[in-house]
Amino acid sequence: MSEQLRAVVTGASSGIGAATVRRLRAEGWDVVAVARRADRLAALAAETGAVALVADVTSDDDVARLAAEVASGGPVHALVNNAGGALGAATVAAASPADWRAMFELNVLGTLRVTQALLPALRATGRGDVVVLTSTAAHDTYPGGGGYVAAKHAERQIATTLRLELIGQPVRVIEIAPGMVRTEEFSLNRFGGDAAKAEAVYAGVDDPLTADDVADAVVWTLTRPHHVNIDQLVMRPRAQVSNTQVARA
């Protein structure tokens, strides 16, 4: 009988995180869905059968509690570091240091905290996976993206460095770097709730990626035979050929 696999997904209350929870549950995995919003997590848990765990990855205390609660539930085979986001689209000259700090705290230090906390448990299973959801912003830049680009470049280095440091150990490190993904909240949060600015990001673009497209890629990497490591998977909609070139109708 094969071992029951169990994953922890951060940023699970919406978008790519929620879609990944749904996909993993459909594949038969046990899933711990982690996010700050208890009401959304409860609804996702009721829909999918996932375990809801309310925690903020920017809080040391919350992450310590998360690790303890996950450990009490049994082995953990995969961590999907999905919690993240962008704030603003200011130029470097006009950028808010507070926005940059918040993006680093969430995208970089949040991923670092949770990875450090769960790495011993992932090692202990003999077949652990650390997935880091970065962005094409982790591989190139664009005007007005300096803070998010800097944070995602830094987050990417967690994955690339950790993979080197874990050589010979039974843990894969996987980076998924999506380009333009149309979710219900990413651009809305970036622009402080300004729906018009958020909508303009996708205006005229034929079929941006969806959260489910990215979740499909995450689950595909996790379900390869464990001797196969998908180091890095960059994905964009066909209409987008770079961070600055997008075909629009």
Protein backbone atom coordinates (compact mmCIF):
# COMPACT_ATOMS: atom_id res chain seq x y z
CA MET A 1 0.00 0.00 0.00
CA SER A 2 1.45 3.41 -0.99
CA GLU A 3 2.09 6.05 1.63
CA GLN A 4 -0.55 8.75 2.08
CA LEU A 5 1.00 12.02 0.90
CA ARG A 6 0.47 15.28 2.77
CA ALA A 7 1.14 18.86 1.71
CA VAL A 8 1.14 22.30 3.31
CA VAL A 9 0.04 25.19 1.03
CA THR A 10 0.51 28.80 2.14
CA GLY A 11 -1.51 31.70 0.79
CA ALA A 12 -4.34 29.23 0.36
CA SER A 13 -7.34 31.49 0.85
CA SER A 14 -7.59 32.58 -2.82
CA GLY A 15 -5.99 32.47 -6.24
CA ILE A 16 -3.16 30.05 -6.96
CA GLY A 17 -3.06 28.79 -3.38
CA ALA A 18 -6.71 27.81 -3.29
CA ALA A 19 -6.48 26.27 -6.76
CA THR A 20 -3.46 24.21 -5.64
CA VAL A 21 -5.36 22.93 -2.62
CA ARG A 22 -8.21 21.83 -4.89
CA ARG A 23 -5.86 20.11 -7.35
CA LEU A 24 -3.91 18.28 -4.63
CA ARG A 25 -7.09 17.10 -2.95
CA ALA A 26 -8.35 15.84 -6.31
CA GLU A 27 -5.11 13.84 -6.58
CA GLY A 28 -5.79 12.26 -3.20
CA TRP A 29 -3.33 14.23 -1.08
CA ASP A 30 -4.05 15.32 2.47
CA VAL A 31 -3.64 19.10 2.53
CA VAL A 32 -3.12 21.69 5.24
CA ALA A 33 -4.34 25.01 3.81
CA VAL A 34 -2.65 28.01 5.45
CA ALA A 35 -3.68 31.66 5.23
CA ARG A 36 -4.69 34.61 7.39
CA ARG A 37 -8.40 34.76 6.52
CA ALA A 38 -10.30 32.25 8.61
CA ASP A 39 -13.62 32.62 6.78
CA ARG A 40 -12.16 31.86 3.35
CA LEU A 41 -10.12 28.96 4.70
CA ALA A 42 -13.18 27.49 6.37
CA ALA A 43 -15.10 27.64 3.09
CA LEU A 44 -12.21 26.00 1.21
CA ALA A 45 -11.91 23.29 3.84
CA ALA A 46 -15.65 22.58 3.65
CA GLU A 47 -15.44 22.38 -0.16
CA THR A 48 -12.31 20.23 -0.44
CA GLY A 49 -11.79 18.39 2.83
CA ALA A 50 -8.49 20.17 3.43
CA VAL A 51 -7.45 21.09 6.98
CA ALA A 52 -7.63 24.85 7.58
CA LEU A 53 -4.81 26.45 9.57
CA VAL A 54 -5.03 30.20 10.16
CA ALA A 55 -1.54 31.71 10.30
CA ASP A 56 0.43 34.72 9.09
CA VAL A 57 3.76 33.73 7.50
CA THR A 58 5.23 37.12 8.48
CA SER A 59 4.85 36.23 12.18
CA ASP A 60 7.52 34.15 13.93
CA ASP A 61 5.00 33.01 16.53
CA ASP A 62 2.43 32.00 13.93
CA VAL A 63 4.98 30.01 11.94
CA ALA A 64 6.19 28.21 15.08
CA ARG A 65 2.58 27.32 15.86
CA LEU A 66 2.03 26.24 12.25
CA ALA A 67 5.02 23.88 12.41
CA ALA A 68 3.83 22.38 15.70
CA GLU A 69 0.28 21.85 14.45
CA VAL A 70 1.47 20.35 11.16
CA ALA A 71 3.82 17.99 13.03
CA SER A 72 1.02 16.84 15.30
CA GLY A 73 -0.97 15.72 12.26
CA GLY A 74 1.63 13.34 10.89
CA PRO A 75 4.34 13.35 8.19
CA VAL A 76 4.53 16.19 5.69
CA HIS A 77 5.81 15.48 2.18
CA ALA A 78 5.46 18.83 0.41
CA LEU A 79 5.50 22.52 1.22
CA VAL A 80 4.09 24.90 -1.39
CA ASN A 81 5.34 28.41 -0.59
CA ASN A 82 2.66 30.40 -2.38
CA ALA A 83 1.99 33.31 0.03
CA GLY A 84 3.16 36.53 -1.58
CA GLY A 85 2.10 39.58 -3.50
CA ALA A 86 2.94 42.99 -4.92
CA LEU A 87 2.28 46.46 -3.54
CA GLY A 88 2.17 49.42 -5.87
CA ALA A 89 3.78 50.11 -9.24
CA ALA A 90 5.89 53.13 -8.36
CA THR A 91 9.19 53.96 -9.98
CA VAL A 92 12.36 53.40 -7.98
CA ALA A 93 12.62 57.18 -7.57
CA ALA A 94 9.14 57.44 -6.07
CA ALA A 95 8.78 54.07 -4.33
CA SER A 96 7.65 53.70 -0.73
CA PRO A 97 10.27 51.99 1.46
CA ALA A 98 7.37 50.70 3.58
CA ASP A 99 5.90 48.92 0.53
CA TRP A 100 9.28 47.39 -0.31
CA ARG A 101 9.71 46.27 3.30
CA ALA A 102 6.25 44.67 3.33
CA MET A 103 6.93 42.84 0.07
CA PHE A 104 10.24 41.50 1.39
CA GLU A 105 8.61 40.42 4.64
CA LEU A 106 5.89 38.47 2.85
CA ASN A 107 7.58 37.11 -0.27
CA VAL A 108 11.10 36.54 1.04
CA LEU A 109 11.11 36.20 4.82
CA GLY A 110 7.73 34.47 4.85
CA THR A 111 9.06 31.79 2.50
CA LEU A 112 12.27 31.55 4.54
CA ARG A 113 10.41 31.18 7.86
CA VAL A 114 8.04 28.45 6.72
CA THR A 115 10.73 26.55 4.82
CA GLN A 116 13.05 26.57 7.83
CA ALA A 117 10.23 25.48 10.12
CA LEU A 118 9.12 22.51 8.00
CA LEU A 119 12.41 21.36 6.48
CA PRO A 120 13.19 18.85 9.27
CA ALA A 121 9.79 17.20 8.78
CA LEU A 122 10.24 17.13 4.99
CA ARG A 123 13.64 15.48 5.37
CA ALA A 124 12.22 12.93 7.81
CA THR A 125 9.74 11.53 5.27
CA GLY A 126 12.55 10.47 2.95
CA ARG A 127 10.74 12.14 0.03
CA GLY A 128 10.15 15.79 0.76
CA ASP A 129 9.46 18.67 -1.63
CA VAL A 130 9.84 22.42 -1.25
CA VAL A 131 7.97 24.36 -3.95
CA VAL A 132 8.60 28.10 -4.23
CA LEU A 133 6.13 30.15 -6.28
CA THR A 134 8.17 33.04 -7.62
CA SER A 135 7.29 34.92 -10.80
CA THR A 136 8.80 35.89 -14.12
CA ALA A 137 9.60 39.01 -12.06
CA ALA A 138 12.24 36.81 -10.40
CA HIS A 139 14.02 36.47 -13.78
CA ASP A 140 13.78 39.93 -15.34
CA THR A 141 12.51 43.39 -14.51
CA TYR A 142 10.04 45.98 -15.81
CA PRO A 143 9.38 49.68 -15.18
CA GLY A 144 7.37 50.25 -12.02
CA GLY A 145 8.12 46.78 -10.73
CA GLY A 146 11.34 47.43 -8.82
CA GLY A 147 10.15 46.45 -5.36
CA TYR A 148 8.30 43.32 -6.44
CA VAL A 149 11.11 42.33 -8.80
CA ALA A 150 13.67 42.75 -6.02
CA ALA A 151 11.60 40.65 -3.62
CA LYS A 152 10.98 37.89 -6.14
CA HIS A 153 14.65 37.81 -7.18
CA ALA A 154 15.51 37.34 -3.51
CA GLU A 155 12.87 34.66 -3.03
CA ARG A 156 14.22 32.81 -6.06
CA GLN A 157 17.65 32.67 -4.43
CA ILE A 158 16.16 30.81 -1.47
CA ALA A 159 15.20 28.03 -3.89
CA THR A 160 18.42 28.02 -5.93
CA THR A 161 20.66 28.11 -2.86
CA LEU A 162 18.65 25.59 -0.84
CA ARG A 163 18.82 23.10 -3.72
CA LEU A 164 22.63 23.28 -3.61
CA GLU A 165 22.69 22.98 0.17
CA LEU A 166 20.49 19.87 0.15
CA ILE A 167 22.63 17.89 -2.29
CA GLY A 168 22.37 14.18 -1.53
CA GLN A 169 19.36 14.63 0.74
CA PRO A 170 15.87 13.31 -0.04
CA VAL A 171 14.30 16.74 -0.63
CA ARG A 172 13.56 18.30 -4.02
CA VAL A 173 13.48 22.08 -4.43
CA ILE A 174 11.18 23.28 -7.21
CA GLU A 175 10.65 26.82 -8.49
CA ILE A 176 7.51 27.74 -10.42
CA ALA A 177 7.71 31.18 -12.07
CA PRO A 178 4.41 32.30 -13.65
CA GLY A 179 4.00 35.34 -15.84
CA MET A 180 0.65 37.11 -16.23
CA VAL A 181 -1.95 35.28 -14.15
CA ARG A 182 -5.44 36.71 -13.84
CA THR A 183 -6.66 36.05 -10.31
CA GLU A 184 -9.36 37.78 -8.31
CA GLU A 185 -6.98 39.62 -5.98
CA PHE A 186 -3.35 39.99 -7.12
CA SER A 187 -3.67 43.19 -9.15
CA LEU A 188 -6.48 44.51 -6.96
CA ASN A 189 -4.22 44.24 -3.93
CA ARG A 190 -1.30 45.72 -5.84
CA PHE A 191 -3.30 48.85 -6.63
CA GLY A 192 -4.88 49.26 -3.21
CA GLY A 193 -8.34 48.11 -4.29
CA ASP A 194 -8.52 50.31 -7.40
CA ALA A 195 -10.58 48.04 -9.67
CA ALA A 196 -10.02 50.15 -12.79
CA LYS A 197 -6.22 49.97 -12.49
CA ALA A 198 -6.40 46.27 -11.73
CA GLU A 199 -8.57 45.59 -14.77
CA ALA A 200 -6.27 47.61 -17.05
CA VAL A 201 -3.46 45.11 -16.39
CA TYR A 202 -5.36 42.46 -18.37
CA ALA A 203 -7.14 44.71 -20.88
CA GLY A 204 -7.09 43.27 -24.39
CA VAL A 205 -4.95 40.26 -23.43
CA ASP A 206 -6.13 37.02 -25.00
CA ASP A 207 -6.34 34.39 -22.25
CA PRO A 208 -3.98 35.29 -19.41
CA LEU A 209 -2.99 32.33 -17.27
CA THR A 210 -5.48 31.28 -14.61
CA ALA A 211 -4.82 30.18 -11.05
CA ASP A 212 -5.76 26.66 -12.11
CA ASP A 213 -3.15 26.69 -14.89
CA VAL A 214 -0.45 27.38 -12.31
CA ALA A 215 -1.87 24.89 -9.82
CA ASP A 216 -1.79 22.26 -12.56
CA ALA A 217 1.93 22.94 -13.04
CA VAL A 218 2.60 22.77 -9.30
CA VAL A 219 0.86 19.42 -8.97
CA TRP A 220 2.61 18.08 -12.09
CA THR A 221 6.03 18.82 -10.58
CA LEU A 222 5.05 17.22 -7.27
CA THR A 223 3.77 14.06 -8.93
CA ARG A 224 6.89 13.29 -11.00
CA PRO A 225 8.84 10.24 -9.77
CA HIS A 226 10.82 11.48 -6.79
CA HIS A 227 14.19 11.04 -8.48
CA VAL A 228 13.07 13.67 -11.05
CA ASN A 229 13.54 17.29 -9.90
CA ILE A 230 11.91 20.04 -11.95
CA ASP A 231 14.38 22.72 -10.89
CA GLN A 232 12.60 25.60 -12.54
CA LEU A 233 9.42 25.97 -14.55
CA VAL A 234 8.73 29.34 -16.23
CA MET A 235 5.24 29.70 -17.65
CA ARG A 236 3.46 32.54 -19.42
CA PRO A 237 0.29 32.96 -21.48
CA ARG A 238 0.96 32.75 -25.20
CA ALA A 239 0.14 36.47 -25.49
CA GLN A 240 3.02 37.43 -23.20
CA VAL A 241 6.56 36.97 -24.51
CA SER A 242 8.42 38.95 -21.81
CA ASN A 243 7.72 41.05 -18.74
CA THR A 244 7.32 44.11 -20.97
CA GLN A 245 5.85 42.69 -24.20
CA VAL A 246 2.23 41.56 -24.19
CA ALA A 247 -0.05 41.27 -27.23
CA ARG A 248 -3.25 43.25 -26.69
CA ALA A 249 -6.29 43.46 -28.92
